[in-house]
Each structure stands twice: as C-alpha cells, then as structure tokens.
Amino acid sequence: RRQEMMPLKHGRVEQTLFRLANVLSLGLYTHREKATPEMQARLDLKRQLSFHERFLRRVAKSSPQVEVVWNIEDVRRSLQFIAEHGNEANGKAASAAARIFTRTQDEETLRLSLDCLYRINNETAKAELLRIYRNEKMDARWRTLSAEYLRLAVKQEQRIAPADAKVILSVIGQ
C-alpha cells in the first residue's frame, strides 16, 4: 500500500533510484512513504480515477450505441467524475470520452463527454475537441459548444499541441 504512494510523491528519476537501491542492497532497502491523511486522499483519488477510466474505456470499445448496452446513468456518473477531476485525468480518459461522444444519442452524455474533454488538461483531449468541432456532419450545437470549450482552453493556457493551437486560433479565434 505504501509503495502505491511513491509515484504520488516522487518523479520517475527518484523512483528509478529507489528501485536501484533495492536491487543493489539485495532487497534490504525498500522505500516506503509515510501514510498521511493527504497521501491517503491522493491515493484514493488516483484509484477512483483509474476505476472510472477503465470503465469508460470498456464502454467506448464495446458497442456502436452506448445506451443500448450500458446503464447510461453509470456512464454519466463516470464521465462526471472524470470531468470533476480533469486535471488528474490522462489521455486514455480523453480518448474514451471522445469515443463515447461518437457512440451515443443521449443529450446529457454528449454534453458530459465534451465537458470531460474540456476539463482534461492535455493535448489528446484538446485534439479530440478540435476533431469534433471540425466534423461538419456534427450537429451545430455540439460544434458550437466544442468551439467555446476550445476558446476557453486557449484563454486558460491549457495544454494544447502547438499545431492544434494554431488551427484553433485561426479557425475559431479568441
């Protein structure tokens, strides 16, 4: 349990050095983090994010229409959780949200998927938002909402690939 906390406090280089110390000491040294309430909370959040991300990835891979196979309330709940903790979410969560967006007709799920893509602060999420905006077959209200989210992302200096940022600024403006 304490070893799960190590990535929350230490970067890759430090983690590698701890592993090396373990190997060089023939297993006598094992780095352990002190279990503080803050660390426990961070670990709990990481586990919950992993759960919701795995669930959304399964949903995204499974069916051409999400609401036919899955309980849409469960899908919404996971999308909402990812959106609320977007700064901690990753590109896999963004890809799952984008796939779910293309595989549902449910209005609330569509809105939550776009909300996730806006709140996940990484290049994958913004590239997916841009792809939705550029899809001329997409309903105008979803293209408009994705454009608004892209404008806000640029204004808030969220992580956007340089090439995508140029496209956003030229097509959508500020």
N, C-alpha and C. Protein backbone atom coordinates (compact mmCIF):
# COMPACT_ATOMS: atom_id res chain seq x y z
N ARG A 1 0.82 -1.19 0.00
CA ARG A 1 0.00 0.00 0.00
C ARG A 1 0.87 1.26 0.00
N ARG A 2 1.91 1.24 0.81
CA ARG A 2 2.78 2.41 0.86
C ARG A 2 3.56 2.59 -0.43
N GLN A 3 3.85 1.48 -1.12
CA GLN A 3 4.57 1.60 -2.38
C GLN A 3 3.69 2.24 -3.45
N GLU A 4 2.37 2.10 -3.34
CA GLU A 4 1.48 2.76 -4.29
C GLU A 4 1.56 4.27 -4.14
N MET A 5 1.97 4.73 -2.97
CA MET A 5 2.05 6.16 -2.70
C MET A 5 3.30 6.79 -3.31
N MET A 6 4.33 5.98 -3.57
CA MET A 6 5.59 6.52 -4.07
C MET A 6 5.42 7.37 -5.34
N PRO A 7 4.66 6.91 -6.36
CA PRO A 7 4.52 7.75 -7.56
C PRO A 7 3.78 9.07 -7.29
N LEU A 8 3.03 9.13 -6.22
CA LEU A 8 2.32 10.36 -5.91
C LEU A 8 3.25 11.44 -5.37
N LYS A 9 4.38 11.02 -4.82
CA LYS A 9 5.29 11.97 -4.18
C LYS A 9 6.60 12.14 -4.94
N HIS A 10 7.02 11.13 -5.69
CA HIS A 10 8.32 11.16 -6.35
C HIS A 10 8.19 10.99 -7.85
N GLY A 11 9.08 11.67 -8.58
CA GLY A 11 9.12 11.58 -10.03
C GLY A 11 9.76 10.27 -10.49
N ARG A 12 9.83 10.09 -11.81
CA ARG A 12 10.37 8.86 -12.39
C ARG A 12 11.83 8.62 -12.01
N VAL A 13 12.64 9.67 -12.01
CA VAL A 13 14.07 9.52 -11.70
C VAL A 13 14.23 9.01 -10.27
N GLU A 14 13.52 9.65 -9.33
CA GLU A 14 13.62 9.22 -7.94
C GLU A 14 13.13 7.79 -7.76
N GLN A 15 12.04 7.44 -8.42
CA GLN A 15 11.52 6.07 -8.33
C GLN A 15 12.55 5.07 -8.85
N THR A 16 13.22 5.41 -9.95
CA THR A 16 14.24 4.53 -10.51
C THR A 16 15.40 4.37 -9.52
N LEU A 17 15.82 5.46 -8.88
CA LEU A 17 16.89 5.39 -7.90
C LEU A 17 16.49 4.51 -6.71
N PHE A 18 15.24 4.61 -6.26
CA PHE A 18 14.79 3.77 -5.16
C PHE A 18 14.82 2.29 -5.55
N ARG A 19 14.40 2.00 -6.78
CA ARG A 19 14.43 0.61 -7.25
C ARG A 19 15.86 0.10 -7.35
N LEU A 20 16.75 0.98 -7.84
CA LEU A 20 18.16 0.61 -7.94
C LEU A 20 18.74 0.34 -6.55
N ALA A 21 18.41 1.16 -5.57
CA ALA A 21 18.88 0.95 -4.20
C ALA A 21 18.37 -0.39 -3.67
N ASN A 22 17.14 -0.73 -4.01
CA ASN A 22 16.57 -2.01 -3.59
C ASN A 22 17.37 -3.17 -4.19
N VAL A 23 17.68 -3.08 -5.47
CA VAL A 23 18.42 -4.14 -6.15
C VAL A 23 19.84 -4.24 -5.61
N LEU A 24 20.53 -3.10 -5.48
CA LEU A 24 21.92 -3.11 -5.02
C LEU A 24 22.05 -3.60 -3.58
N SER A 25 21.02 -3.39 -2.78
CA SER A 25 21.07 -3.86 -1.38
C SER A 25 20.51 -5.28 -1.25
N LEU A 26 20.29 -5.90 -2.39
CA LEU A 26 19.73 -7.27 -2.42
C LEU A 26 18.40 -7.35 -1.68
N GLY A 27 17.60 -6.31 -1.82
CA GLY A 27 16.26 -6.29 -1.25
C GLY A 27 16.18 -5.80 0.19
N LEU A 28 17.32 -5.45 0.78
CA LEU A 28 17.31 -4.98 2.18
C LEU A 28 16.67 -3.60 2.31
N TYR A 29 16.87 -2.75 1.27
CA TYR A 29 16.29 -1.41 1.32
C TYR A 29 15.03 -1.38 0.47
N THR A 30 13.96 -0.92 1.06
CA THR A 30 12.71 -0.69 0.33
C THR A 30 12.18 0.66 0.77
N HIS A 31 12.00 1.55 -0.19
CA HIS A 31 11.50 2.89 0.14
C HIS A 31 9.99 2.83 0.37
N ARG A 32 9.56 3.42 1.44
CA ARG A 32 8.13 3.47 1.77
C ARG A 32 7.77 4.90 2.15
N GLU A 33 6.62 5.32 1.68
CA GLU A 33 6.12 6.64 2.04
C GLU A 33 5.36 6.58 3.35
N LYS A 34 5.41 7.64 4.09
CA LYS A 34 4.65 7.73 5.32
C LYS A 34 3.17 7.95 4.97
N ALA A 35 2.31 7.17 5.56
CA ALA A 35 0.88 7.24 5.25
C ALA A 35 0.25 8.41 6.00
N THR A 36 0.12 9.54 5.32
CA THR A 36 -0.53 10.71 5.90
C THR A 36 -1.95 10.78 5.37
N PRO A 37 -2.83 11.51 6.03
CA PRO A 37 -4.20 11.65 5.51
C PRO A 37 -4.21 12.25 4.09
N GLU A 38 -3.32 13.20 3.83
CA GLU A 38 -3.28 13.81 2.50
C GLU A 38 -2.86 12.78 1.44
N MET A 39 -1.85 11.96 1.78
CA MET A 39 -1.40 10.92 0.86
C MET A 39 -2.51 9.90 0.62
N GLN A 40 -3.22 9.52 1.68
CA GLN A 40 -4.33 8.57 1.55
C GLN A 40 -5.40 9.13 0.61
N ALA A 41 -5.69 10.42 0.77
CA ALA A 41 -6.70 11.06 -0.08
C ALA A 41 -6.25 11.07 -1.54
N ARG A 42 -4.98 11.37 -1.79
CA ARG A 42 -4.45 11.38 -3.16
C ARG A 42 -4.48 9.98 -3.77
N LEU A 43 -4.13 8.99 -2.96
CA LEU A 43 -4.15 7.61 -3.43
C LEU A 43 -5.58 7.17 -3.75
N ASP A 44 -6.52 7.55 -2.89
CA ASP A 44 -7.93 7.23 -3.11
C ASP A 44 -8.42 7.86 -4.41
N LEU A 45 -8.08 9.12 -4.64
CA LEU A 45 -8.48 9.80 -5.87
C LEU A 45 -7.88 9.10 -7.09
N LYS A 46 -6.62 8.73 -7.00
CA LYS A 46 -5.97 8.04 -8.11
C LYS A 46 -6.67 6.72 -8.42
N ARG A 47 -7.03 5.98 -7.40
CA ARG A 47 -7.73 4.71 -7.60
C ARG A 47 -9.10 4.93 -8.23
N GLN A 48 -9.82 5.93 -7.75
CA GLN A 48 -11.15 6.21 -8.31
C GLN A 48 -11.04 6.62 -9.77
N LEU A 49 -10.06 7.48 -10.09
CA LEU A 49 -9.86 7.88 -11.48
C LEU A 49 -9.55 6.66 -12.35
N SER A 50 -8.72 5.78 -11.86
CA SER A 50 -8.39 4.56 -12.61
C SER A 50 -9.63 3.71 -12.85
N PHE A 51 -10.46 3.57 -11.84
CA PHE A 51 -11.69 2.80 -11.97
C PHE A 51 -12.58 3.39 -13.06
N HIS A 52 -12.84 4.70 -12.98
CA HIS A 52 -13.75 5.34 -13.95
C HIS A 52 -13.14 5.33 -15.35
N GLU A 53 -11.83 5.52 -15.45
CA GLU A 53 -11.19 5.48 -16.76
C GLU A 53 -11.32 4.09 -17.38
N ARG A 54 -11.03 3.04 -16.61
CA ARG A 54 -11.16 1.68 -17.14
C ARG A 54 -12.59 1.40 -17.57
N PHE A 55 -13.55 1.83 -16.76
CA PHE A 55 -14.96 1.62 -17.10
C PHE A 55 -15.30 2.31 -18.42
N LEU A 56 -14.91 3.57 -18.55
CA LEU A 56 -15.23 4.32 -19.77
C LEU A 56 -14.53 3.73 -20.99
N ARG A 57 -13.33 3.22 -20.82
CA ARG A 57 -12.64 2.57 -21.94
C ARG A 57 -13.38 1.31 -22.38
N ARG A 58 -13.90 0.53 -21.42
CA ARG A 58 -14.69 -0.66 -21.76
C ARG A 58 -15.96 -0.25 -22.51
N VAL A 59 -16.62 0.80 -22.02
CA VAL A 59 -17.84 1.28 -22.67
C VAL A 59 -17.52 1.73 -24.09
N ALA A 60 -16.46 2.49 -24.26
CA ALA A 60 -16.11 3.04 -25.57
C ALA A 60 -15.78 1.96 -26.59
N LYS A 61 -15.24 0.85 -26.14
CA LYS A 61 -14.84 -0.23 -27.05
C LYS A 61 -15.98 -1.19 -27.38
N SER A 62 -17.03 -1.18 -26.60
CA SER A 62 -17.98 -2.28 -26.64
C SER A 62 -19.09 -2.21 -27.68
N SER A 63 -19.64 -1.06 -27.91
CA SER A 63 -20.88 -1.02 -28.67
C SER A 63 -20.96 0.22 -29.54
N PRO A 64 -21.62 0.09 -30.71
CA PRO A 64 -21.81 1.28 -31.54
C PRO A 64 -22.78 2.30 -30.92
N GLN A 65 -23.63 1.84 -30.00
CA GLN A 65 -24.53 2.77 -29.32
C GLN A 65 -24.52 2.45 -27.82
N VAL A 66 -23.91 3.34 -27.07
CA VAL A 66 -23.64 3.15 -25.65
C VAL A 66 -24.89 2.81 -24.85
N GLU A 67 -25.96 3.58 -25.05
CA GLU A 67 -27.14 3.42 -24.19
C GLU A 67 -27.91 2.12 -24.42
N VAL A 68 -27.58 1.41 -25.49
CA VAL A 68 -28.23 0.13 -25.75
C VAL A 68 -27.64 -0.96 -24.86
N VAL A 69 -26.34 -0.93 -24.63
CA VAL A 69 -25.64 -1.99 -23.90
C VAL A 69 -25.39 -1.64 -22.44
N TRP A 70 -25.16 -0.37 -22.14
CA TRP A 70 -24.75 0.06 -20.81
C TRP A 70 -25.84 0.86 -20.10
N ASN A 71 -25.81 0.81 -18.79
CA ASN A 71 -26.69 1.67 -18.00
C ASN A 71 -26.15 3.10 -18.14
N ILE A 72 -26.93 3.93 -18.79
CA ILE A 72 -26.46 5.28 -19.13
C ILE A 72 -26.16 6.11 -17.88
N GLU A 73 -26.83 5.83 -16.78
CA GLU A 73 -26.54 6.54 -15.53
C GLU A 73 -25.13 6.22 -15.04
N ASP A 74 -24.70 4.98 -15.18
CA ASP A 74 -23.34 4.60 -14.79
C ASP A 74 -22.31 5.32 -15.66
N VAL A 75 -22.59 5.38 -16.95
CA VAL A 75 -21.69 6.07 -17.89
C VAL A 75 -21.61 7.55 -17.53
N ARG A 76 -22.76 8.17 -17.30
CA ARG A 76 -22.78 9.60 -16.91
C ARG A 76 -22.00 9.84 -15.63
N ARG A 77 -22.19 8.96 -14.65
CA ARG A 77 -21.51 9.12 -13.36
C ARG A 77 -19.99 9.10 -13.55
N SER A 78 -19.51 8.18 -14.38
CA SER A 78 -18.07 8.10 -14.63
C SER A 78 -17.57 9.33 -15.40
N LEU A 79 -18.33 9.77 -16.39
CA LEU A 79 -17.95 10.97 -17.13
C LEU A 79 -17.91 12.18 -16.19
N GLN A 80 -18.90 12.28 -15.31
CA GLN A 80 -18.95 13.39 -14.36
C GLN A 80 -17.74 13.37 -13.43
N PHE A 81 -17.37 12.19 -12.95
CA PHE A 81 -16.22 12.08 -12.06
C PHE A 81 -14.94 12.51 -12.78
N ILE A 82 -14.76 12.03 -14.00
CA ILE A 82 -13.58 12.41 -14.78
C ILE A 82 -13.57 13.92 -15.02
N ALA A 83 -14.71 14.49 -15.35
CA ALA A 83 -14.78 15.94 -15.58
C ALA A 83 -14.42 16.72 -14.32
N GLU A 84 -14.91 16.27 -13.18
CA GLU A 84 -14.64 16.97 -11.92
C GLU A 84 -13.17 16.91 -11.53
N HIS A 85 -12.46 15.89 -12.01
CA HIS A 85 -11.06 15.72 -11.65
C HIS A 85 -10.19 15.73 -12.91
N GLY A 86 -10.56 16.60 -13.85
CA GLY A 86 -9.89 16.65 -15.15
C GLY A 86 -8.40 16.92 -15.10
N ASN A 87 -7.95 17.69 -14.12
CA ASN A 87 -6.51 17.97 -14.03
C ASN A 87 -5.70 16.73 -13.73
N GLU A 88 -6.33 15.72 -13.13
CA GLU A 88 -5.64 14.49 -12.78
C GLU A 88 -5.82 13.39 -13.83
N ALA A 89 -6.77 13.58 -14.74
CA ALA A 89 -7.08 12.56 -15.74
C ALA A 89 -6.04 12.56 -16.86
N ASN A 90 -6.02 11.47 -17.64
CA ASN A 90 -5.00 11.33 -18.67
C ASN A 90 -5.59 11.23 -20.08
N GLY A 91 -4.71 11.01 -21.04
CA GLY A 91 -5.12 10.92 -22.43
C GLY A 91 -6.03 9.74 -22.74
N LYS A 92 -5.87 8.64 -21.99
CA LYS A 92 -6.74 7.48 -22.20
C LYS A 92 -8.18 7.83 -21.82
N ALA A 93 -8.35 8.58 -20.75
CA ALA A 93 -9.69 9.02 -20.35
C ALA A 93 -10.27 9.94 -21.42
N ALA A 94 -9.43 10.81 -21.98
CA ALA A 94 -9.88 11.72 -23.03
C ALA A 94 -10.33 10.95 -24.27
N SER A 95 -9.53 9.97 -24.67
CA SER A 95 -9.89 9.17 -25.84
C SER A 95 -11.20 8.42 -25.62
N ALA A 96 -11.39 7.89 -24.41
CA ALA A 96 -12.63 7.17 -24.10
C ALA A 96 -13.82 8.12 -24.16
N ALA A 97 -13.68 9.31 -23.58
CA ALA A 97 -14.78 10.29 -23.60
C ALA A 97 -15.13 10.67 -25.04
N ALA A 98 -14.12 10.84 -25.88
CA ALA A 98 -14.36 11.20 -27.28
C ALA A 98 -15.08 10.07 -28.03
N ARG A 99 -14.69 8.84 -27.77
CA ARG A 99 -15.35 7.70 -28.43
C ARG A 99 -16.79 7.57 -27.95
N ILE A 100 -17.01 7.78 -26.67
CA ILE A 100 -18.38 7.71 -26.14
C ILE A 100 -19.23 8.81 -26.79
N PHE A 101 -18.64 9.99 -26.98
CA PHE A 101 -19.36 11.09 -27.63
C PHE A 101 -19.88 10.65 -29.00
N THR A 102 -19.07 9.91 -29.74
CA THR A 102 -19.48 9.50 -31.10
C THR A 102 -20.43 8.31 -31.08
N ARG A 103 -20.64 7.68 -29.91
CA ARG A 103 -21.43 6.45 -29.85
C ARG A 103 -22.68 6.58 -28.98
N THR A 104 -23.16 7.79 -28.81
CA THR A 104 -24.38 7.96 -28.03
C THR A 104 -25.29 8.99 -28.69
N GLN A 105 -26.56 8.86 -28.38
CA GLN A 105 -27.56 9.85 -28.81
C GLN A 105 -28.11 10.60 -27.59
N ASP A 106 -27.69 10.19 -26.41
CA ASP A 106 -28.18 10.77 -25.16
C ASP A 106 -27.58 12.16 -24.97
N GLU A 107 -28.45 13.16 -24.88
CA GLU A 107 -28.03 14.57 -24.78
C GLU A 107 -27.09 14.83 -23.60
N GLU A 108 -27.46 14.33 -22.43
CA GLU A 108 -26.67 14.57 -21.23
C GLU A 108 -25.28 13.92 -21.36
N THR A 109 -25.22 12.74 -21.93
CA THR A 109 -23.95 12.04 -22.11
C THR A 109 -23.08 12.77 -23.13
N LEU A 110 -23.70 13.29 -24.17
CA LEU A 110 -22.96 14.09 -25.15
C LEU A 110 -22.34 15.32 -24.49
N ARG A 111 -23.14 16.03 -23.70
CA ARG A 111 -22.65 17.24 -23.02
C ARG A 111 -21.53 16.89 -22.03
N LEU A 112 -21.72 15.81 -21.26
CA LEU A 112 -20.70 15.40 -20.29
C LEU A 112 -19.40 14.98 -20.99
N SER A 113 -19.51 14.35 -22.13
CA SER A 113 -18.31 13.94 -22.88
C SER A 113 -17.51 15.17 -23.30
N LEU A 114 -18.19 16.19 -23.82
CA LEU A 114 -17.49 17.42 -24.19
C LEU A 114 -16.91 18.12 -22.97
N ASP A 115 -17.65 18.10 -21.88
CA ASP A 115 -17.18 18.70 -20.63
C ASP A 115 -15.89 18.02 -20.17
N CYS A 116 -15.85 16.70 -20.27
CA CYS A 116 -14.63 15.95 -19.93
C CYS A 116 -13.46 16.40 -20.79
N LEU A 117 -13.69 16.48 -22.08
CA LEU A 117 -12.60 16.85 -22.99
C LEU A 117 -12.08 18.25 -22.69
N TYR A 118 -12.95 19.14 -22.29
CA TYR A 118 -12.51 20.49 -21.92
C TYR A 118 -11.72 20.47 -20.61
N ARG A 119 -12.19 19.74 -19.63
CA ARG A 119 -11.57 19.77 -18.30
C ARG A 119 -10.31 18.92 -18.18
N ILE A 120 -10.14 17.92 -19.05
CA ILE A 120 -8.91 17.15 -19.03
C ILE A 120 -7.84 18.01 -19.69
N ASN A 121 -6.85 18.37 -18.92
CA ASN A 121 -5.85 19.33 -19.39
C ASN A 121 -4.67 18.60 -20.04
N ASN A 122 -4.92 18.08 -21.25
CA ASN A 122 -3.82 17.50 -22.03
C ASN A 122 -4.10 17.63 -23.52
N GLU A 123 -3.07 17.39 -24.30
CA GLU A 123 -3.15 17.59 -25.75
C GLU A 123 -4.15 16.65 -26.42
N THR A 124 -4.26 15.43 -25.92
CA THR A 124 -5.19 14.47 -26.51
C THR A 124 -6.62 14.99 -26.42
N ALA A 125 -6.99 15.49 -25.25
CA ALA A 125 -8.36 16.00 -25.05
C ALA A 125 -8.67 17.17 -25.98
N LYS A 126 -7.71 18.07 -26.12
CA LYS A 126 -7.96 19.24 -26.97
C LYS A 126 -7.98 18.86 -28.45
N ALA A 127 -7.17 17.87 -28.83
CA ALA A 127 -7.19 17.39 -30.22
C ALA A 127 -8.55 16.75 -30.53
N GLU A 128 -9.11 16.02 -29.56
CA GLU A 128 -10.42 15.40 -29.76
C GLU A 128 -11.51 16.48 -29.87
N LEU A 129 -11.43 17.51 -29.03
CA LEU A 129 -12.40 18.61 -29.12
C LEU A 129 -12.31 19.28 -30.49
N LEU A 130 -11.10 19.50 -30.96
CA LEU A 130 -10.90 20.12 -32.27
C LEU A 130 -11.47 19.23 -33.38
N ARG A 131 -11.26 17.92 -33.27
CA ARG A 131 -11.79 16.99 -34.27
C ARG A 131 -13.32 17.06 -34.32
N ILE A 132 -13.94 17.13 -33.16
CA ILE A 132 -15.41 17.25 -33.10
C ILE A 132 -15.85 18.56 -33.74
N TYR A 133 -15.16 19.64 -33.42
CA TYR A 133 -15.51 20.95 -33.99
C TYR A 133 -15.40 20.93 -35.52
N ARG A 134 -14.37 20.27 -36.04
CA ARG A 134 -14.13 20.29 -37.49
C ARG A 134 -15.03 19.33 -38.26
N ASN A 135 -15.75 18.45 -37.59
CA ASN A 135 -16.62 17.48 -38.25
C ASN A 135 -17.91 18.18 -38.69
N GLU A 136 -18.00 18.46 -39.97
CA GLU A 136 -19.14 19.22 -40.49
C GLU A 136 -20.45 18.43 -40.46
N LYS A 137 -20.38 17.12 -40.28
CA LYS A 137 -21.58 16.30 -40.18
C LYS A 137 -22.18 16.37 -38.78
N MET A 138 -21.41 16.91 -37.84
CA MET A 138 -21.83 17.00 -36.44
C MET A 138 -22.91 18.07 -36.29
N ASP A 139 -23.84 17.83 -35.40
CA ASP A 139 -24.88 18.80 -35.08
C ASP A 139 -24.24 20.13 -34.68
N ALA A 140 -24.79 21.23 -35.17
CA ALA A 140 -24.21 22.56 -34.97
C ALA A 140 -24.04 22.92 -33.49
N ARG A 141 -24.98 22.50 -32.63
CA ARG A 141 -24.86 22.88 -31.21
C ARG A 141 -23.66 22.23 -30.55
N TRP A 142 -23.29 21.00 -30.97
CA TRP A 142 -22.12 20.34 -30.39
C TRP A 142 -20.84 20.94 -30.93
N ARG A 143 -20.87 21.33 -32.19
CA ARG A 143 -19.71 22.03 -32.77
C ARG A 143 -19.52 23.38 -32.09
N THR A 144 -20.62 24.07 -31.83
CA THR A 144 -20.55 25.37 -31.16
C THR A 144 -20.01 25.23 -29.74
N LEU A 145 -20.50 24.23 -29.01
CA LEU A 145 -20.03 24.01 -27.64
C LEU A 145 -18.55 23.63 -27.64
N SER A 146 -18.13 22.78 -28.58
CA SER A 146 -16.72 22.40 -28.63
C SER A 146 -15.85 23.62 -28.98
N ALA A 147 -16.35 24.49 -29.85
CA ALA A 147 -15.61 25.72 -30.18
C ALA A 147 -15.46 26.61 -28.95
N GLU A 148 -16.52 26.73 -28.17
CA GLU A 148 -16.47 27.53 -26.95
C GLU A 148 -15.47 26.95 -25.96
N TYR A 149 -15.48 25.65 -25.81
CA TYR A 149 -14.51 24.99 -24.91
C TYR A 149 -13.09 25.19 -25.40
N LEU A 150 -12.88 25.12 -26.71
CA LEU A 150 -11.53 25.34 -27.26
C LEU A 150 -11.07 26.78 -27.03
N ARG A 151 -11.98 27.74 -27.20
CA ARG A 151 -11.64 29.14 -26.91
C ARG A 151 -11.22 29.31 -25.45
N LEU A 152 -12.00 28.72 -24.54
CA LEU A 152 -11.67 28.81 -23.12
C LEU A 152 -10.34 28.13 -22.81
N ALA A 153 -10.08 26.99 -23.45
CA ALA A 153 -8.83 26.27 -23.21
C ALA A 153 -7.62 27.11 -23.63
N VAL A 154 -7.74 27.80 -24.77
CA VAL A 154 -6.66 28.67 -25.22
C VAL A 154 -6.49 29.83 -24.24
N LYS A 155 -7.60 30.43 -23.85
CA LYS A 155 -7.56 31.56 -22.92
C LYS A 155 -6.94 31.17 -21.58
N GLN A 156 -7.23 29.96 -21.12
CA GLN A 156 -6.71 29.47 -19.83
C GLN A 156 -5.34 28.83 -19.95
N GLU A 157 -4.78 28.85 -21.17
CA GLU A 157 -3.46 28.30 -21.44
C GLU A 157 -3.35 26.83 -21.04
N GLN A 158 -4.41 26.07 -21.37
CA GLN A 158 -4.36 24.63 -21.14
C GLN A 158 -3.37 24.01 -22.13
N ARG A 159 -2.99 22.77 -21.86
CA ARG A 159 -2.03 22.09 -22.73
C ARG A 159 -2.68 21.74 -24.06
N ILE A 160 -2.13 22.31 -25.12
CA ILE A 160 -2.63 22.10 -26.48
C ILE A 160 -1.40 21.93 -27.37
N ALA A 161 -1.44 20.96 -28.26
CA ALA A 161 -0.32 20.77 -29.19
C ALA A 161 -0.15 22.06 -30.00
N PRO A 162 1.08 22.49 -30.24
CA PRO A 162 1.31 23.75 -30.97
C PRO A 162 0.57 23.81 -32.31
N ALA A 163 0.56 22.71 -33.06
CA ALA A 163 -0.13 22.70 -34.36
C ALA A 163 -1.63 22.89 -34.16
N ASP A 164 -2.20 22.24 -33.13
CA ASP A 164 -3.63 22.38 -32.85
C ASP A 164 -3.95 23.80 -32.38
N ALA A 165 -3.06 24.38 -31.60
CA ALA A 165 -3.27 25.75 -31.11
C ALA A 165 -3.36 26.73 -32.28
N LYS A 166 -2.48 26.55 -33.28
CA LYS A 166 -2.52 27.41 -34.46
C LYS A 166 -3.86 27.29 -35.19
N VAL A 167 -4.31 26.04 -35.34
CA VAL A 167 -5.59 25.80 -36.02
C VAL A 167 -6.73 26.43 -35.23
N ILE A 168 -6.72 26.24 -33.93
CA ILE A 168 -7.78 26.79 -33.07
C ILE A 168 -7.82 28.30 -33.21
N LEU A 169 -6.68 28.94 -33.12
CA LEU A 169 -6.63 30.40 -33.20
C LEU A 169 -7.04 30.91 -34.58
N SER A 170 -6.67 30.17 -35.65
CA SER A 170 -7.03 30.64 -36.98
C SER A 170 -8.48 30.36 -37.34
N VAL A 171 -9.02 29.23 -36.89
CA VAL A 171 -10.38 28.85 -37.28
C VAL A 171 -11.42 29.39 -36.30
N ILE A 172 -11.15 29.26 -35.03
CA ILE A 172 -12.14 29.62 -34.02
C ILE A 172 -11.92 31.03 -33.51
N GLY A 173 -10.67 31.46 -33.47
CA GLY A 173 -10.37 32.79 -32.95
C GLY A 173 -10.34 32.79 -31.44
N GLN A 174 -10.25 33.98 -30.88
CA GLN A 174 -10.14 34.07 -29.41
C GLN A 174 -11.43 34.37 -28.76
